[in-house]
Every structure is written in structure tokens, then in C-alpha cells.
PDB file of N, CA and C in Angstrom:
ATOM      1  N   MET A   1     -25.941 -33.043   5.895  1.00  0.00           N
ATOM      2  CA  MET A   1     -26.268 -32.955   4.499  1.00  0.00           C
ATOM      3  C   MET A   1     -25.110 -32.289   3.761  1.00  0.00           C
ATOM      4  N   ILE A   2     -24.792 -32.831   2.609  1.00  0.00           N
ATOM      5  CA  ILE A   2     -23.753 -32.249   1.765  1.00  0.00           C
ATOM      6  C   ILE A   2     -24.407 -31.712   0.500  1.00  0.00           C
ATOM      7  N   ILE A   3     -24.166 -30.444   0.226  1.00  0.00           N
ATOM      8  CA  ILE A   3     -24.647 -29.826  -1.010  1.00  0.00           C
ATOM      9  C   ILE A   3     -23.454 -29.725  -1.944  1.00  0.00           C
ATOM     10  N   GLN A   4     -23.442 -30.524  -2.981  1.00  0.00           N
ATOM     11  CA  GLN A   4     -22.374 -30.472  -3.975  1.00  0.00           C
ATOM     12  C   GLN A   4     -22.794 -29.485  -5.054  1.00  0.00           C
ATOM     13  N   LEU A   5     -22.190 -28.315  -5.016  1.00  0.00           N
ATOM     14  CA  LEU A   5     -22.597 -27.262  -5.934  1.00  0.00           C
ATOM     15  C   LEU A   5     -22.353 -27.602  -7.393  1.00  0.00           C
ATOM     16  N   LYS A   6     -21.413 -28.508  -7.675  1.00  0.00           N
ATOM     17  CA  LYS A   6     -21.150 -28.867  -9.072  1.00  0.00           C
ATOM     18  C   LYS A   6     -22.373 -29.518  -9.721  1.00  0.00           C
ATOM     19  N   LYS A   7     -23.321 -29.976  -8.916  1.00  0.00           N
ATOM     20  CA  LYS A   7     -24.559 -30.532  -9.478  1.00  0.00           C
ATOM     21  C   LYS A   7     -25.390 -29.452 -10.165  1.00  0.00           C
ATOM     22  N   PHE A   8     -25.132 -28.195  -9.807  1.00  0.00           N
ATOM     23  CA  PHE A   8     -25.812 -27.077 -10.462  1.00  0.00           C
ATOM     24  C   PHE A   8     -25.030 -26.601 -11.685  1.00  0.00           C
ATOM     25  N   GLY A   9     -23.829 -27.133 -11.866  1.00  0.00           N
ATOM     26  CA  GLY A   9     -22.962 -26.763 -12.979  1.00  0.00           C
ATOM     27  C   GLY A   9     -21.587 -26.393 -12.464  1.00  0.00           C
ATOM     28  N   ILE A  10     -20.609 -26.373 -13.364  1.00  0.00           N
ATOM     29  CA  ILE A  10     -19.262 -26.006 -12.928  1.00  0.00           C
ATOM     30  C   ILE A  10     -19.017 -24.515 -13.079  1.00  0.00           C
ATOM     31  N   THR A  11     -19.888 -23.842 -13.814  1.00  0.00           N
ATOM     32  CA  THR A  11     -19.814 -22.395 -13.974  1.00  0.00           C
ATOM     33  C   THR A  11     -21.092 -21.809 -13.400  1.00  0.00           C
ATOM     34  N   LEU A  12     -20.989 -21.290 -12.193  1.00  0.00           N
ATOM     35  CA  LEU A  12     -22.160 -20.771 -11.482  1.00  0.00           C
ATOM     36  C   LEU A  12     -22.171 -19.252 -11.596  1.00  0.00           C
ATOM     37  N   ILE A  13     -22.944 -18.788 -12.566  1.00  0.00           N
ATOM     38  CA  ILE A  13     -22.990 -17.356 -12.842  1.00  0.00           C
ATOM     39  C   ILE A  13     -24.448 -16.902 -12.935  1.00  0.00           C
ATOM     40  N   SER A  14     -24.663 -15.675 -12.741  1.00  0.00           N
ATOM     41  CA  SER A  14     -25.918 -14.935 -12.893  1.00  0.00           C
ATOM     42  C   SER A  14     -26.857 -15.075 -11.699  1.00  0.00           C
ATOM     43  N   ARG A  15     -27.456 -13.973 -11.394  1.00  0.00           N
ATOM     44  CA  ARG A  15     -28.424 -13.898 -10.298  1.00  0.00           C
ATOM     45  C   ARG A  15     -29.643 -14.800 -10.558  1.00  0.00           C
ATOM     46  N   PRO A  16     -30.222 -14.767 -11.765  1.00  0.00           N
ATOM     47  CA  PRO A  16     -31.384 -15.643 -12.014  1.00  0.00           C
ATOM     48  C   PRO A  16     -31.056 -17.130 -11.850  1.00  0.00           C
ATOM     49  N   SER A  17     -29.883 -17.530 -12.269  1.00  0.00           N
ATOM     50  CA  SER A  17     -29.468 -18.930 -12.143  1.00  0.00           C
ATOM     51  C   SER A  17     -29.307 -19.321 -10.672  1.00  0.00           C
ATOM     52  N   GLY A  18     -28.714 -18.452  -9.871  1.00  0.00           N
ATOM     53  CA  GLY A  18     -28.567 -18.710  -8.438  1.00  0.00           C
ATOM     54  C   GLY A  18     -29.905 -18.794  -7.735  1.00  0.00           C
ATOM     55  N   LYS A  19     -30.812 -17.896  -8.095  1.00  0.00           N
ATOM     56  CA  LYS A  19     -32.165 -17.893  -7.516  1.00  0.00           C
ATOM     57  C   LYS A  19     -32.904 -19.175  -7.886  1.00  0.00           C
ATOM     58  N   GLU A  20     -32.761 -19.588  -9.135  1.00  0.00           N
ATOM     59  CA  GLU A  20     -33.404 -20.818  -9.595  1.00  0.00           C
ATOM     60  C   GLU A  20     -32.871 -22.038  -8.823  1.00  0.00           C
ATOM     61  N   ALA A  21     -31.556 -22.082  -8.618  1.00  0.00           N
ATOM     62  CA  ALA A  21     -30.951 -23.181  -7.860  1.00  0.00           C
ATOM     63  C   ALA A  21     -31.475 -23.179  -6.423  1.00  0.00           C
ATOM     64  N   TRP A  22     -31.560 -22.008  -5.816  1.00  0.00           N
ATOM     65  CA  TRP A  22     -32.060 -21.884  -4.444  1.00  0.00           C
ATOM     66  C   TRP A  22     -33.496 -22.391  -4.343  1.00  0.00           C
ATOM     67  N   LEU A  23     -34.336 -21.958  -5.248  1.00  0.00           N
ATOM     68  CA  LEU A  23     -35.741 -22.370  -5.215  1.00  0.00           C
ATOM     69  C   LEU A  23     -35.890 -23.867  -5.490  1.00  0.00           C
ATOM     70  N   ALA A  24     -35.107 -24.393  -6.416  1.00  0.00           N
ATOM     71  CA  ALA A  24     -35.177 -25.815  -6.751  1.00  0.00           C
ATOM     72  C   ALA A  24     -34.727 -26.685  -5.583  1.00  0.00           C
ATOM     73  N   PHE A  25     -33.851 -26.166  -4.734  1.00  0.00           N
ATOM     74  CA  PHE A  25     -33.297 -26.943  -3.624  1.00  0.00           C
ATOM     75  C   PHE A  25     -34.147 -26.881  -2.364  1.00  0.00           C
ATOM     76  N   GLN A  26     -35.186 -26.088  -2.354  1.00  0.00           N
ATOM     77  CA  GLN A  26     -36.022 -25.928  -1.164  1.00  0.00           C
ATOM     78  C   GLN A  26     -36.609 -27.237  -0.636  1.00  0.00           C
ATOM     79  N   PRO A  27     -37.138 -28.124  -1.480  1.00  0.00           N
ATOM     80  CA  PRO A  27     -37.689 -29.377  -0.929  1.00  0.00           C
ATOM     81  C   PRO A  27     -36.651 -30.191  -0.150  1.00  0.00           C
ATOM     82  N   VAL A  28     -35.414 -30.181  -0.607  1.00  0.00           N
ATOM     83  CA  VAL A  28     -34.351 -30.901   0.090  1.00  0.00           C
ATOM     84  C   VAL A  28     -34.039 -30.209   1.419  1.00  0.00           C
ATOM     85  N   LEU A  29     -33.936 -28.888   1.398  1.00  0.00           N
ATOM     86  CA  LEU A  29     -33.620 -28.141   2.618  1.00  0.00           C
ATOM     87  C   LEU A  29     -34.713 -28.268   3.670  1.00  0.00           C
ATOM     88  N   ASN A  30     -35.932 -28.441   3.239  1.00  0.00           N
ATOM     89  CA  ASN A  30     -37.041 -28.580   4.189  1.00  0.00           C
ATOM     90  C   ASN A  30     -37.005 -29.901   4.941  1.00  0.00           C
ATOM     91  N   GLN A  31     -36.176 -30.835   4.497  1.00  0.00           N
ATOM     92  CA  GLN A  31     -36.069 -32.137   5.154  1.00  0.00           C
ATOM     93  C   GLN A  31     -34.906 -32.212   6.149  1.00  0.00           C
ATOM     94  N   ILE A  32     -34.173 -31.126   6.309  1.00  0.00           N
ATOM     95  CA  ILE A  32     -33.011 -31.130   7.193  1.00  0.00           C
ATOM     96  C   ILE A  32     -33.454 -31.260   8.643  1.00  0.00           C
ATOM     97  N   GLN A  33     -32.761 -32.152   9.345  1.00  0.00           N
ATOM     98  CA  GLN A  33     -33.034 -32.360  10.764  1.00  0.00           C
ATOM     99  C   GLN A  33     -32.474 -31.194  11.583  1.00  0.00           C
ATOM    100  N   GLN A  34     -33.041 -30.979  12.735  1.00  0.00           N
ATOM    101  CA  GLN A  34     -32.677 -29.860  13.606  1.00  0.00           C
ATOM    102  C   GLN A  34     -31.179 -29.796  13.904  1.00  0.00           C
ATOM    103  N   GLU A  35     -30.561 -30.929  14.192  1.00  0.00           N
ATOM    104  CA  GLU A  35     -29.155 -30.954  14.597  1.00  0.00           C
ATOM    105  C   GLU A  35     -28.190 -31.165  13.424  1.00  0.00           C
ATOM    106  N   GLU A  36     -28.711 -31.348  12.234  1.00  0.00           N
ATOM    107  CA  GLU A  36     -27.894 -31.659  11.061  1.00  0.00           C
ATOM    108  C   GLU A  36     -27.109 -30.450  10.556  1.00  0.00           C
ATOM    109  N   LYS A  37     -25.839 -30.671  10.230  1.00  0.00           N
ATOM    110  CA  LYS A  37     -25.022 -29.619   9.632  1.00  0.00           C
ATOM    111  C   LYS A  37     -25.214 -29.624   8.117  1.00  0.00           C
ATOM    112  N   ILE A  38     -24.967 -28.487   7.513  1.00  0.00           N
ATOM    113  CA  ILE A  38     -25.061 -28.358   6.065  1.00  0.00           C
ATOM    114  C   ILE A  38     -23.668 -28.055   5.537  1.00  0.00           C
ATOM    115  N   ILE A  39     -23.142 -28.972   4.763  1.00  0.00           N
ATOM    116  CA  ILE A  39     -21.817 -28.810   4.178  1.00  0.00           C
ATOM    117  C   ILE A  39     -21.996 -28.408   2.724  1.00  0.00           C
ATOM    118  N   VAL A  40     -21.470 -27.246   2.376  1.00  0.00           N
ATOM    119  CA  VAL A  40     -21.504 -26.774   1.000  1.00  0.00           C
ATOM    120  C   VAL A  40     -20.141 -27.090   0.396  1.00  0.00           C
ATOM    121  N   ASP A  41     -20.138 -27.967  -0.597  1.00  0.00           N
ATOM    122  CA  ASP A  41     -18.906 -28.457  -1.203  1.00  0.00           C
ATOM    123  C   ASP A  41     -18.712 -27.795  -2.569  1.00  0.00           C
ATOM    124  N   PHE A  42     -17.624 -27.045  -2.695  1.00  0.00           N
ATOM    125  CA  PHE A  42     -17.324 -26.333  -3.931  1.00  0.00           C
ATOM    126  C   PHE A  42     -16.430 -27.140  -4.868  1.00  0.00           C
ATOM    127  N   ASP A  43     -16.126 -28.387  -4.527  1.00  0.00           N
ATOM    128  CA  ASP A  43     -15.268 -29.220  -5.357  1.00  0.00           C
ATOM    129  C   ASP A  43     -15.863 -29.342  -6.760  1.00  0.00           C
ATOM    130  N   GLY A  44     -15.044 -29.095  -7.773  1.00  0.00           N
ATOM    131  CA  GLY A  44     -15.486 -29.200  -9.159  1.00  0.00           C
ATOM    132  C   GLY A  44     -16.074 -27.930  -9.737  1.00  0.00           C
ATOM    133  N   VAL A  45     -16.266 -26.911  -8.914  1.00  0.00           N
ATOM    134  CA  VAL A  45     -16.793 -25.633  -9.406  1.00  0.00           C
ATOM    135  C   VAL A  45     -15.632 -24.818  -9.977  1.00  0.00           C
ATOM    136  N   ALA A  46     -15.715 -24.474 -11.250  1.00  0.00           N
ATOM    137  CA  ALA A  46     -14.649 -23.715 -11.907  1.00  0.00           C
ATOM    138  C   ALA A  46     -14.822 -22.214 -11.697  1.00  0.00           C
ATOM    139  N   VAL A  47     -16.064 -21.743 -11.788  1.00  0.00           N
ATOM    140  CA  VAL A  47     -16.349 -20.310 -11.665  1.00  0.00           C
ATOM    141  C   VAL A  47     -17.560 -20.118 -10.763  1.00  0.00           C
ATOM    142  N   LEU A  48     -17.416 -19.215  -9.809  1.00  0.00           N
ATOM    143  CA  LEU A  48     -18.513 -18.825  -8.923  1.00  0.00           C
ATOM    144  C   LEU A  48     -18.546 -17.308  -8.881  1.00  0.00           C
ATOM    145  N   THR A  49     -19.655 -16.725  -9.306  1.00  0.00           N
ATOM    146  CA  THR A  49     -19.758 -15.270  -9.301  1.00  0.00           C
ATOM    147  C   THR A  49     -20.492 -14.801  -8.042  1.00  0.00           C
ATOM    148  N   PRO A  50     -20.217 -13.565  -7.630  1.00  0.00           N
ATOM    149  CA  PRO A  50     -20.907 -13.015  -6.460  1.00  0.00           C
ATOM    150  C   PRO A  50     -22.431 -12.994  -6.617  1.00  0.00           C
ATOM    151  N   SER A  51     -22.918 -12.755  -7.821  1.00  0.00           N
ATOM    152  CA  SER A  51     -24.370 -12.692  -8.009  1.00  0.00           C
ATOM    153  C   SER A  51     -25.023 -14.056  -7.772  1.00  0.00           C
ATOM    154  N   TRP A  52     -24.431 -15.119  -8.312  1.00  0.00           N
ATOM    155  CA  TRP A  52     -24.974 -16.464  -8.093  1.00  0.00           C
ATOM    156  C   TRP A  52     -24.906 -16.814  -6.611  1.00  0.00           C
ATOM    157  N   ALA A  53     -23.747 -16.597  -6.025  1.00  0.00           N
ATOM    158  CA  ALA A  53     -23.546 -16.938  -4.618  1.00  0.00           C
ATOM    159  C   ALA A  53     -24.477 -16.149  -3.711  1.00  0.00           C
ATOM    160  N   ASP A  54     -24.721 -14.893  -4.042  1.00  0.00           N
ATOM    161  CA  ASP A  54     -25.611 -14.068  -3.217  1.00  0.00           C
ATOM    162  C   ASP A  54     -27.037 -14.612  -3.231  1.00  0.00           C
ATOM    163  N   GLU A  55     -27.450 -15.162  -4.344  1.00  0.00           N
ATOM    164  CA  GLU A  55     -28.811 -15.715  -4.442  1.00  0.00           C
ATOM    165  C   GLU A  55     -28.944 -17.081  -3.787  1.00  0.00           C
ATOM    166  N   PHE A  56     -27.846 -17.825  -3.658  1.00  0.00           N
ATOM    167  CA  PHE A  56     -27.909 -19.161  -3.083  1.00  0.00           C
ATOM    168  C   PHE A  56     -27.331 -19.207  -1.670  1.00  0.00           C
ATOM    169  N   LEU A  57     -26.117 -18.733  -1.512  1.00  0.00           N
ATOM    170  CA  LEU A  57     -25.440 -18.852  -0.208  1.00  0.00           C
ATOM    171  C   LEU A  57     -25.973 -17.881   0.841  1.00  0.00           C
ATOM    172  N   THR A  58     -26.293 -16.670   0.442  1.00  0.00           N
ATOM    173  CA  THR A  58     -26.774 -15.688   1.415  1.00  0.00           C
ATOM    174  C   THR A  58     -28.061 -16.151   2.100  1.00  0.00           C
ATOM    175  N   PRO A  59     -29.085 -16.572   1.347  1.00  0.00           N
ATOM    176  CA  PRO A  59     -30.285 -17.047   2.048  1.00  0.00           C
ATOM    177  C   PRO A  59     -30.050 -18.352   2.813  1.00  0.00           C
ATOM    178  N   LEU A  60     -29.133 -19.190   2.319  1.00  0.00           N
ATOM    179  CA  LEU A  60     -28.803 -20.422   3.033  1.00  0.00           C
ATOM    180  C   LEU A  60     -28.230 -20.101   4.408  1.00  0.00           C
ATOM    181  N   ARG A  61     -27.309 -19.149   4.434  1.00  0.00           N
ATOM    182  CA  ARG A  61     -26.699 -18.751   5.714  1.00  0.00           C
ATOM    183  C   ARG A  61     -27.696 -18.031   6.618  1.00  0.00           C
ATOM    184  N   LYS A  62     -28.585 -17.247   6.032  1.00  0.00           N
ATOM    185  CA  LYS A  62     -29.598 -16.568   6.851  1.00  0.00           C
ATOM    186  C   LYS A  62     -30.536 -17.573   7.495  1.00  0.00           C
ATOM    187  N   LYS A  63     -30.875 -18.601   6.750  1.00  0.00           N
ATOM    188  CA  LYS A  63     -31.835 -19.591   7.247  1.00  0.00           C
ATOM    189  C   LYS A  63     -31.208 -20.563   8.245  1.00  0.00           C
ATOM    190  N   PHE A  64     -29.967 -20.980   7.991  1.00  0.00           N
ATOM    191  CA  PHE A  64     -29.356 -22.022   8.816  1.00  0.00           C
ATOM    192  C   PHE A  64     -28.162 -21.556   9.649  1.00  0.00           C
ATOM    193  N   LYS A  65     -27.779 -20.317   9.506  1.00  0.00           N
ATOM    194  CA  LYS A  65     -26.725 -19.672  10.300  1.00  0.00           C
ATOM    195  C   LYS A  65     -25.478 -20.524  10.483  1.00  0.00           C
ATOM    196  N   GLU A  66     -25.115 -20.835  11.720  1.00  0.00           N
ATOM    197  CA  GLU A  66     -23.848 -21.514  12.016  1.00  0.00           C
ATOM    198  C   GLU A  66     -23.837 -22.981  11.612  1.00  0.00           C
ATOM    199  N   LYS A  67     -24.942 -23.520  11.164  1.00  0.00           N
ATOM    200  CA  LYS A  67     -24.983 -24.906  10.701  1.00  0.00           C
ATOM    201  C   LYS A  67     -24.278 -25.087   9.356  1.00  0.00           C
ATOM    202  N   VAL A  68     -24.050 -23.990   8.638  1.00  0.00           N
ATOM    203  CA  VAL A  68     -23.470 -24.053   7.295  1.00  0.00           C
ATOM    204  C   VAL A  68     -21.947 -24.040   7.376  1.00  0.00           C
ATOM    205  N   GLU A  69     -21.332 -25.034   6.723  1.00  0.00           N
ATOM    206  CA  GLU A  69     -19.877 -25.111   6.622  1.00  0.00           C
ATOM    207  C   GLU A  69     -19.494 -25.190   5.153  1.00  0.00           C
ATOM    208  N   LEU A  70     -18.389 -24.532   4.792  1.00  0.00           N
ATOM    209  CA  LEU A  70     -17.935 -24.497   3.402  1.00  0.00           C
ATOM    210  C   LEU A  70     -16.670 -25.329   3.237  1.00  0.00           C
ATOM    211  N   PHE A  71     -16.642 -26.166   2.202  1.00  0.00           N
ATOM    212  CA  PHE A  71     -15.492 -27.025   1.931  1.00  0.00           C
ATOM    213  C   PHE A  71     -15.010 -26.842   0.497  1.00  0.00           C
ATOM    214  N   HIS A  72     -13.726 -27.114   0.288  1.00  0.00           N
ATOM    215  CA  HIS A  72     -13.063 -26.996  -1.012  1.00  0.00           C
ATOM    216  C   HIS A  72     -13.216 -25.585  -1.580  1.00  0.00           C
ATOM    217  N   ILE A  73     -12.775 -24.617  -0.803  1.00  0.00           N
ATOM    218  CA  ILE A  73     -12.917 -23.210  -1.194  1.00  0.00           C
ATOM    219  C   ILE A  73     -11.606 -22.622  -1.707  1.00  0.00           C
ATOM    220  N   ASN A  74     -10.665 -23.463  -2.122  1.00  0.00           N
ATOM    221  CA  ASN A  74      -9.350 -22.970  -2.550  1.00  0.00           C
ATOM    222  C   ASN A  74      -9.311 -22.428  -3.971  1.00  0.00           C
ATOM    223  N   ASN A  75     -10.315 -22.696  -4.765  1.00  0.00           N
ATOM    224  CA  ASN A  75     -10.386 -22.158  -6.119  1.00  0.00           C
ATOM    225  C   ASN A  75     -10.370 -20.625  -6.040  1.00  0.00           C
ATOM    226  N   PRO A  76      -9.535 -19.949  -6.842  1.00  0.00           N
ATOM    227  CA  PRO A  76      -9.459 -18.478  -6.767  1.00  0.00           C
ATOM    228  C   PRO A  76     -10.805 -17.779  -6.998  1.00  0.00           C
ATOM    229  N   SER A  77     -11.624 -18.298  -7.892  1.00  0.00           N
ATOM    230  CA  SER A  77     -12.932 -17.699  -8.152  1.00  0.00           C
ATOM    231  C   SER A  77     -13.837 -17.824  -6.929  1.00  0.00           C
ATOM    232  N   VAL A  78     -13.807 -18.986  -6.305  1.00  0.00           N
ATOM    233  CA  VAL A  78     -14.619 -19.217  -5.104  1.00  0.00           C
ATOM    234  C   VAL A  78     -14.125 -18.331  -3.964  1.00  0.00           C
ATOM    235  N   LYS A  79     -12.809 -18.295  -3.768  1.00  0.00           N
ATOM    236  CA  LYS A  79     -12.228 -17.461  -2.699  1.00  0.00           C
ATOM    237  C   LYS A  79     -12.623 -15.998  -2.852  1.00  0.00           C
ATOM    238  N   ALA A  80     -12.453 -15.483  -4.064  1.00  0.00           N
ATOM    239  CA  ALA A  80     -12.749 -14.069  -4.318  1.00  0.00           C
ATOM    240  C   ALA A  80     -14.224 -13.765  -4.067  1.00  0.00           C
ATOM    241  N   THR A  81     -15.078 -14.643  -4.522  1.00  0.00           N
ATOM    242  CA  THR A  81     -16.530 -14.437  -4.332  1.00  0.00           C
ATOM    243  C   THR A  81     -16.894 -14.471  -2.856  1.00  0.00           C
ATOM    244  N   LEU A  82     -16.354 -15.428  -2.121  1.00  0.00           N
ATOM    245  CA  LEU A  82     -16.653 -15.505  -0.682  1.00  0.00           C
ATOM    246  C   LEU A  82     -16.138 -14.280   0.064  1.00  0.00           C
ATOM    247  N   ASP A  83     -14.976 -13.762  -0.351  1.00  0.00           N
ATOM    248  CA  ASP A  83     -14.454 -12.529   0.258  1.00  0.00           C
ATOM    249  C   ASP A  83     -15.383 -11.354   0.009  1.00  0.00           C
ATOM    250  N   ILE A  84     -15.919 -11.264  -1.200  1.00  0.00           N
ATOM    251  CA  ILE A  84     -16.837 -10.180  -1.548  1.00  0.00           C
ATOM    252  C   ILE A  84     -18.108 -10.292  -0.702  1.00  0.00           C
ATOM    253  N   LEU A  85     -18.627 -11.502  -0.561  1.00  0.00           N
ATOM    254  CA  LEU A  85     -19.854 -11.682   0.235  1.00  0.00           C
ATOM    255  C   LEU A  85     -19.635 -11.364   1.709  1.00  0.00           C
ATOM    256  N   LYS A  86     -18.438 -11.676   2.227  1.00  0.00           N
ATOM    257  CA  LYS A  86     -18.137 -11.353   3.629  1.00  0.00           C
ATOM    258  C   LYS A  86     -18.181  -9.859   3.887  1.00  0.00           C
ATOM    259  N   LYS A  87     -17.727  -9.076   2.907  1.00  0.00           N
ATOM    260  CA  LYS A  87     -17.659  -7.624   3.067  1.00  0.00           C
ATOM    261  C   LYS A  87     -19.023  -6.970   3.021  1.00  0.00           C
ATOM    262  N   GLN A  88     -20.001  -7.664   2.462  1.00  0.00           N
ATOM    263  CA  GLN A  88     -21.336  -7.065   2.338  1.00  0.00           C
ATOM    264  C   GLN A  88     -22.095  -7.117   3.635  1.00  0.00           C
TER     265      GLN A  88
END
């Protein structure tokens, strides 16, 4: 499964917005097969804040652990946010 984050917008900010995206995506996540990988694609995302990412990516990684792979993470905003989340 590929999750294209730009479908949630190109500016992903605020904790409430991240939580809303996470909750809205639950029906799709519930259909994931046991062996299926989850690719999170940041292509097209201009801004990603730690608060949004913490509400969406943190529970995604907790639920699916090593099945989650991140792609197109070269954007400075995305890089910085992912570094902050790693330190937590």
C-alpha cells in the first residue's frame, strides 16, 4: 500500500489536522494484508510539521512497525521533522 501524503494537502501542519487525517485513514489501514508493506510517500509535500507527523506517523509506526517505509524524504521540512521524531 502506498500512502501519498499530498492527498491530505501539501502543507501538513497542526496536531488536530494530523489526528483527523489518521482517523480518516483508518478504514483503509484496516484492509491491509498481513504481509503487505506500507509506503509513506512524501512527494509533493511542501511543509510537514512535527505536530502533524506525530499524530499520523507515530501511531502508524506503532501499529505496523517495520512494515512502514518512507519515500521522497529529501524535502528539508520533511527531513527536519523526521529527525525530531526520531529523537523522541
